[in-house]
Amino acid sequence: MRILHLDTNHPLMIEQLAQLGFTNDEDYTSNKKEIEKKIHLYDGIIIRSRLTIDASFLDKATNLKFIGRVGAGLENIDVDHAKANGIFLASAPEGNRNAVGEHTLGMLLSLFNKLNKADKEVRNGQWDREGNRGIELDGKTVGIIGYGNMGKAFAKKLQGFDVEVICFDIVGGVGDENARQVGIMELQQRTDVLSLHVPQTPETIGMINDEFINSFQKPFWLLNTARGKCVITTDLVSNLKSGKILGAGLDVLEYEKSSFENMFDDQNLPEAFKYLMKAENVLFSPHVAGWTVESKEKLAQTIVDKIKERFC
């Protein structure tokens, strides 16, 4: 079986797949049209996010048996069309869930203790102790939307703190010893910190909007290490201004390009994003919550293991 690798990954992937008897070809520069001309030659594809695998692409991949997505989500693949053609889809949320859990906790603690603001001020010779007085996580209720691999990893990291952790998910029975599953009304009544851990689907795009935010009983902190399009940025900004949202940790943004690699192609930045850039109670990172030295290896190993289990 021949595999076409369209994005660079940890070298263990090609090494181990070769040991299993697969032929590995690499093409990290050809555009989509060029790849479509030869995709019929391949039994498998390994991608991260460089290309969108749509129905037209899949129709040309007449011998394709599997797609390995070295990441957590499958939003750059037409999942329904792939499944209709009997193509096995392998993603790797198990590979970077720990990284996401740690990153989300880091963002939360940084926001509560104003570490980003304090660091900048001290570097500029400003010693403002009272202005950087933090708040404690102890006694807060953390609400998690989406209790799969990522949500569970974050809940596990919170166990060293004296907090209540509750979760909401469209799938029933997913609560565990680290989080009690609740309905949406209880989540909105009790939450002090809201963390998103959902995939990008038609149901989750734009889910954090003005109506949803104002359904919460208390002002709350928002963390998004999931997908940027789940949050309507203009509504986030208006609620930061009103105080309904106390602060936000954003690893992902609505304005990201589909490849996740570059957000600043467009020089005309949206006004809402300009506000976030200046807000002291907003913390950014460039879609790297699951992007650690360790997760690079674990993501690759997860994909290899799934291909091995299915085809060897």
Protein backbone atom coordinates (compact mmCIF):
# COMPACT_ATOMS: atom_id res chain seq x y z
CA MET A 1 0.00 0.00 0.00
CA ARG A 2 1.22 3.47 -0.91
CA ILE A 3 0.85 6.45 1.40
CA LEU A 4 1.15 10.10 0.38
CA HIS A 5 2.34 12.43 3.16
CA LEU A 6 1.12 15.98 2.56
CA ASP A 7 2.44 17.62 5.75
CA THR A 8 5.64 17.15 7.69
CA ASN A 9 5.33 15.19 10.91
CA HIS A 10 7.50 13.43 13.46
CA PRO A 11 9.97 11.14 11.63
CA LEU A 12 8.75 8.09 13.55
CA MET A 13 5.66 8.03 11.36
CA ILE A 14 7.42 7.30 8.09
CA GLU A 15 9.96 5.06 9.81
CA GLN A 16 7.34 2.86 11.45
CA LEU A 17 5.01 2.76 8.46
CA ALA A 18 7.93 1.64 6.31
CA GLN A 19 8.71 -1.11 8.83
CA LEU A 20 5.07 -2.24 8.50
CA GLY A 21 5.56 -2.59 4.74
CA PHE A 22 3.99 0.63 3.46
CA THR A 23 5.55 2.68 0.66
CA ASN A 24 5.83 6.32 1.71
CA ASP A 25 5.90 9.26 -0.68
CA GLU A 26 6.27 12.85 0.52
CA ASP A 27 4.88 15.97 -1.16
CA TYR A 28 4.84 19.06 1.03
CA THR A 29 4.75 21.73 -1.69
CA SER A 30 2.41 20.75 -4.55
CA ASN A 31 -0.90 22.53 -4.68
CA LYS A 32 -4.24 20.78 -4.48
CA LYS A 33 -4.77 20.52 -8.25
CA GLU A 34 -1.35 18.95 -8.72
CA ILE A 35 -2.02 16.42 -5.99
CA GLU A 36 -5.44 15.56 -7.43
CA LYS A 37 -3.72 14.45 -10.65
CA LYS A 38 -1.87 11.67 -8.85
CA ILE A 39 -4.03 10.89 -5.83
CA HIS A 40 -5.54 7.85 -7.59
CA LEU A 41 -2.17 6.13 -7.13
CA TYR A 42 -2.43 6.09 -3.34
CA ASP A 43 -4.10 3.92 -0.74
CA GLY A 44 -3.59 6.36 2.11
CA ILE A 45 -3.05 10.05 2.87
CA ILE A 46 -1.42 11.61 5.92
CA ILE A 47 -2.32 15.27 6.48
CA ARG A 48 -2.38 17.94 9.16
CA SER A 49 -4.13 21.02 7.80
CA ARG A 50 -2.42 22.19 4.60
CA LEU A 51 -5.24 21.05 2.29
CA THR A 52 -8.99 20.64 2.42
CA ILE A 53 -10.05 17.13 1.48
CA ASP A 54 -13.44 17.81 -0.10
CA ALA A 55 -15.82 15.65 -2.13
CA SER A 56 -14.21 16.58 -5.44
CA PHE A 57 -10.79 15.55 -4.13
CA LEU A 58 -12.15 12.28 -2.74
CA ASP A 59 -13.85 11.41 -6.02
CA LYS A 60 -10.45 11.51 -7.70
CA ALA A 61 -8.89 9.33 -4.98
CA THR A 62 -10.31 6.14 -6.44
CA ASN A 63 -8.02 3.76 -4.51
CA LEU A 64 -8.04 5.62 -1.20
CA LYS A 65 -8.59 3.41 1.84
CA PHE A 66 -7.66 5.72 4.70
CA ILE A 67 -6.85 9.29 5.73
CA GLY A 68 -4.69 9.95 8.77
CA ARG A 69 -5.27 13.43 10.23
CA VAL A 70 -2.41 14.26 12.58
CA GLY A 71 -4.50 16.36 14.94
CA ALA A 72 -7.68 16.26 16.95
CA GLY A 73 -10.35 17.37 14.47
CA LEU A 74 -11.58 16.34 11.04
CA GLU A 75 -13.09 19.65 9.92
CA ASN A 76 -10.83 19.91 6.87
CA ILE A 77 -12.22 16.60 5.55
CA ASP A 78 -15.65 15.93 4.05
CA VAL A 79 -16.34 13.21 6.59
CA ASP A 80 -19.71 12.11 5.21
CA HIS A 81 -18.38 11.72 1.66
CA ALA A 82 -15.32 9.85 2.90
CA LYS A 83 -17.40 7.42 4.93
CA ALA A 84 -19.81 6.93 2.03
CA ASN A 85 -16.80 5.80 -0.02
CA GLY A 86 -15.64 3.42 2.70
CA ILE A 87 -12.58 5.47 3.62
CA PHE A 88 -11.24 4.93 7.13
CA LEU A 89 -10.63 8.20 9.00
CA ALA A 90 -8.05 8.34 11.77
CA SER A 91 -7.56 11.45 13.89
CA ALA A 92 -5.42 11.67 17.00
CA PRO A 93 -7.05 13.55 19.89
CA GLU A 94 -5.43 11.05 22.25
CA GLY A 95 -2.05 12.40 21.16
CA ASN A 96 -2.42 16.01 22.25
CA ARG A 97 -5.10 15.93 24.93
CA ASN A 98 -2.60 16.24 27.76
CA ALA A 99 -0.96 19.23 26.08
CA VAL A 100 -4.35 20.92 25.69
CA GLY A 101 -5.25 20.25 29.32
CA GLU A 102 -2.01 21.77 30.57
CA HIS A 103 -2.21 24.77 28.23
CA THR A 104 -5.80 25.54 29.23
CA LEU A 105 -4.89 25.44 32.92
CA GLY A 106 -1.88 27.67 32.25
CA MET A 107 -4.05 30.25 30.51
CA LEU A 108 -6.54 30.22 33.38
CA LEU A 109 -3.92 30.73 36.07
CA SER A 110 -2.21 33.45 34.03
CA LEU A 111 -5.49 35.34 33.64
CA PHE A 112 -6.41 35.03 37.32
CA ASN A 113 -2.99 36.29 38.41
CA LYS A 114 -2.53 38.90 35.65
CA LEU A 115 0.84 37.39 34.79
CA ASN A 116 0.96 38.68 31.23
CA LYS A 117 0.16 42.25 32.31
CA ALA A 118 2.51 42.13 35.30
CA ASP A 119 5.40 40.77 33.25
CA LYS A 120 5.11 43.58 30.68
CA GLU A 121 4.94 46.23 33.39
CA VAL A 122 7.96 44.98 35.32
CA ARG A 123 9.98 44.83 32.11
CA ASN A 124 9.07 48.49 31.58
CA GLY A 125 10.15 49.46 35.10
CA GLN A 126 6.65 49.65 36.54
CA TRP A 127 6.17 48.06 39.98
CA ASP A 128 2.39 48.02 40.54
CA ARG A 129 1.59 45.49 43.22
CA GLU A 130 -1.99 46.54 43.93
CA GLY A 131 -2.85 46.80 40.24
CA ASN A 132 -1.73 43.20 39.78
CA ARG A 133 -3.55 41.68 42.73
CA GLY A 134 -4.87 38.31 41.53
CA ILE A 135 -7.82 36.12 42.37
CA GLU A 136 -7.75 32.49 43.46
CA LEU A 137 -9.20 29.50 41.67
CA ASP A 138 -10.12 27.93 45.01
CA GLY A 139 -13.88 27.69 45.49
CA LYS A 140 -14.81 28.43 41.87
CA THR A 141 -17.00 26.31 39.59
CA VAL A 142 -15.42 25.40 36.28
CA GLY A 143 -17.86 24.51 33.52
CA ILE A 144 -16.63 22.48 30.55
CA ILE A 145 -18.54 22.28 27.27
CA GLY A 146 -17.50 19.17 25.37
CA TYR A 147 -16.38 16.29 27.55
CA GLY A 148 -14.31 14.16 25.21
CA ASN A 149 -10.55 13.74 25.13
CA MET A 150 -9.73 17.42 25.66
CA GLY A 151 -12.40 18.21 28.19
CA LYS A 152 -11.48 15.18 30.27
CA ALA A 153 -7.80 16.11 30.17
CA PHE A 154 -8.52 19.62 31.47
CA ALA A 155 -10.81 18.29 34.21
CA LYS A 156 -8.06 15.93 35.32
CA LYS A 157 -5.59 18.82 35.61
CA LEU A 158 -8.02 20.68 37.86
CA GLN A 159 -8.08 17.94 40.48
CA GLY A 160 -5.25 19.54 42.44
CA PHE A 161 -7.46 22.57 43.09
CA ASP A 162 -10.41 22.96 45.41
CA VAL A 163 -12.91 23.60 42.62
CA GLU A 164 -16.16 22.09 41.45
CA VAL A 165 -15.96 20.82 37.89
CA ILE A 166 -19.13 20.33 35.87
CA CYS A 167 -19.48 19.37 32.21
CA PHE A 168 -22.06 19.58 29.46
CA ASP A 169 -22.03 17.35 26.40
CA ILE A 170 -24.58 16.33 23.77
CA VAL A 171 -23.64 12.72 24.54
CA GLY A 172 -25.08 11.38 27.77
CA GLY A 173 -23.22 9.46 30.44
CA VAL A 174 -19.77 10.98 29.85
CA GLY A 175 -19.25 12.39 33.33
CA ASP A 176 -16.62 10.75 35.51
CA GLU A 177 -14.77 11.12 38.80
CA ASN A 178 -13.28 14.42 37.60
CA ALA A 179 -16.45 16.18 36.39
CA ARG A 180 -20.17 15.88 37.06
CA GLN A 181 -22.29 15.99 33.91
CA VAL A 182 -25.09 18.55 34.07
CA GLY A 183 -27.76 20.03 31.83
CA ILE A 184 -27.24 23.33 30.08
CA MET A 185 -29.35 25.27 32.60
CA GLU A 186 -27.28 24.14 35.58
CA LEU A 187 -24.09 24.89 33.67
CA GLN A 188 -25.32 28.43 33.04
CA GLN A 189 -26.41 28.89 36.66
CA ARG A 190 -23.23 27.76 38.38
CA THR A 191 -20.26 28.46 36.11
CA ASP A 192 -17.50 30.89 37.07
CA VAL A 193 -15.07 29.71 34.40
CA LEU A 194 -16.27 28.33 31.06
CA SER A 195 -13.89 26.23 28.96
CA LEU A 196 -14.67 25.06 25.41
CA HIS A 197 -13.50 21.63 24.23
CA VAL A 198 -15.79 20.92 21.27
CA PRO A 199 -15.03 20.03 17.65
CA GLN A 200 -15.98 22.41 14.86
CA THR A 201 -19.36 21.28 13.56
CA PRO A 202 -22.42 23.08 12.18
CA GLU A 203 -23.84 22.92 15.71
CA THR A 204 -20.80 24.47 17.42
CA ILE A 205 -19.98 27.24 14.93
CA GLY A 206 -21.08 30.50 16.53
CA MET A 207 -22.41 28.76 19.65
CA ILE A 208 -20.86 31.34 21.98
CA ASN A 209 -22.96 34.32 21.00
CA ASP A 210 -24.62 37.19 22.81
CA GLU A 211 -27.79 35.25 23.66
CA PHE A 212 -25.82 32.28 24.99
CA ILE A 213 -23.46 34.45 27.04
CA ASN A 214 -26.28 36.37 28.67
CA SER A 215 -28.01 33.12 29.66
CA PHE A 216 -25.34 32.71 32.35
CA GLN A 217 -26.37 33.78 35.83
CA LYS A 218 -22.97 35.14 36.82
CA PRO A 219 -20.18 36.98 35.01
CA PHE A 220 -17.63 34.38 33.94
CA TRP A 221 -14.19 33.83 32.45
CA LEU A 222 -13.99 32.23 29.00
CA LEU A 223 -11.32 29.83 27.76
CA ASN A 224 -11.23 28.62 24.17
CA THR A 225 -8.60 26.08 23.17
CA ALA A 226 -11.01 24.33 20.79
CA ARG A 227 -11.90 26.08 17.52
CA GLY A 228 -12.07 29.81 16.86
CA LYS A 229 -15.32 29.78 14.92
CA CYS A 230 -17.18 28.52 17.99
CA VAL A 231 -17.06 32.08 19.38
CA ILE A 232 -18.57 35.13 17.68
CA THR A 233 -15.84 37.66 18.37
CA THR A 234 -18.00 40.77 18.17
CA ASP A 235 -20.31 39.30 20.81
CA LEU A 236 -17.31 38.35 22.96
CA VAL A 237 -16.04 41.93 22.79
CA SER A 238 -19.39 43.49 23.67
CA ASN A 239 -19.64 41.25 26.73
CA LEU A 240 -16.06 41.97 27.78
CA LYS A 241 -16.97 45.65 27.65
CA SER A 242 -20.13 45.12 29.71
CA GLY A 243 -18.33 42.93 32.26
CA LYS A 244 -20.48 39.85 31.61
CA ILE A 245 -17.27 38.13 30.52
CA LEU A 246 -14.51 38.91 33.02
CA GLY A 247 -11.65 37.89 30.78
CA ALA A 248 -10.74 35.46 28.02
CA GLY A 249 -7.95 33.04 27.21
CA LEU A 250 -7.94 32.45 23.46
CA ASP A 251 -5.68 29.92 21.78
CA VAL A 252 -7.91 30.03 18.70
CA LEU A 253 -9.67 32.83 16.85
CA GLU A 254 -12.65 33.18 14.54
CA TYR A 255 -10.45 34.86 11.94
CA GLU A 256 -7.95 32.03 11.47
CA LYS A 257 -7.33 30.65 8.01
CA SER A 258 -8.37 27.03 7.48
CA SER A 259 -4.73 25.87 7.51
CA PHE A 260 -4.23 27.32 11.03
CA GLU A 261 -0.77 28.47 9.93
CA ASN A 262 -1.22 32.22 9.39
CA MET A 263 -3.90 34.56 10.63
CA PHE A 264 -2.39 37.81 9.46
CA ASP A 265 -2.65 37.47 5.67
CA ASP A 266 -5.25 40.23 5.65
CA GLN A 267 -3.87 43.59 6.70
CA ASN A 268 -7.36 44.94 7.47
CA LEU A 269 -7.81 43.45 10.92
CA PRO A 270 -11.39 43.35 12.25
CA GLU A 271 -12.26 46.03 14.80
CA ALA A 272 -13.26 43.39 17.35
CA PHE A 273 -9.82 41.79 17.10
CA LYS A 274 -8.14 45.18 17.50
CA TYR A 275 -10.04 45.60 20.78
CA LEU A 276 -8.91 42.17 22.00
CA MET A 277 -5.30 43.02 21.17
CA LYS A 278 -5.40 45.98 23.58
CA ALA A 279 -7.44 44.35 26.35
CA GLU A 280 -5.44 43.53 29.49
CA ASN A 281 -7.91 40.81 30.50
CA VAL A 282 -7.41 38.86 27.27
CA LEU A 283 -4.62 36.35 26.75
CA PHE A 284 -3.66 34.98 23.32
CA SER A 285 -1.65 32.06 22.00
CA PRO A 286 -1.32 31.11 18.29
CA HIS A 287 -3.30 27.84 18.15
CA VAL A 288 -0.61 25.94 20.03
CA ALA A 289 -2.50 24.42 22.97
CA GLY A 290 -1.92 20.93 21.60
CA TRP A 291 1.44 21.81 20.01
CA THR A 292 4.18 20.55 22.32
CA VAL A 293 7.42 18.67 21.79
CA GLU A 294 5.83 15.62 23.37
CA SER A 295 2.52 15.86 21.52
CA LYS A 296 4.26 15.93 18.14
CA GLU A 297 5.56 12.45 18.84
CA LYS A 298 2.36 11.21 20.46
CA LEU A 299 0.17 12.45 17.60
CA ALA A 300 2.29 10.63 15.03
CA GLN A 301 2.38 7.45 17.11
CA THR A 302 -1.39 7.49 17.55
CA ILE A 303 -1.95 7.62 13.78
CA VAL A 304 0.55 4.83 13.14
CA ASP A 305 -1.11 2.67 15.78
CA LYS A 306 -4.57 3.18 14.29
CA ILE A 307 -3.41 2.37 10.76
CA LYS A 308 -1.57 -0.70 12.04
CA GLU A 309 -4.63 -1.94 13.92
CA ARG A 310 -6.89 -1.50 10.90
CA PHE A 311 -4.69 -2.66 8.01
CA CYS A 312 -1.95 -4.93 9.37
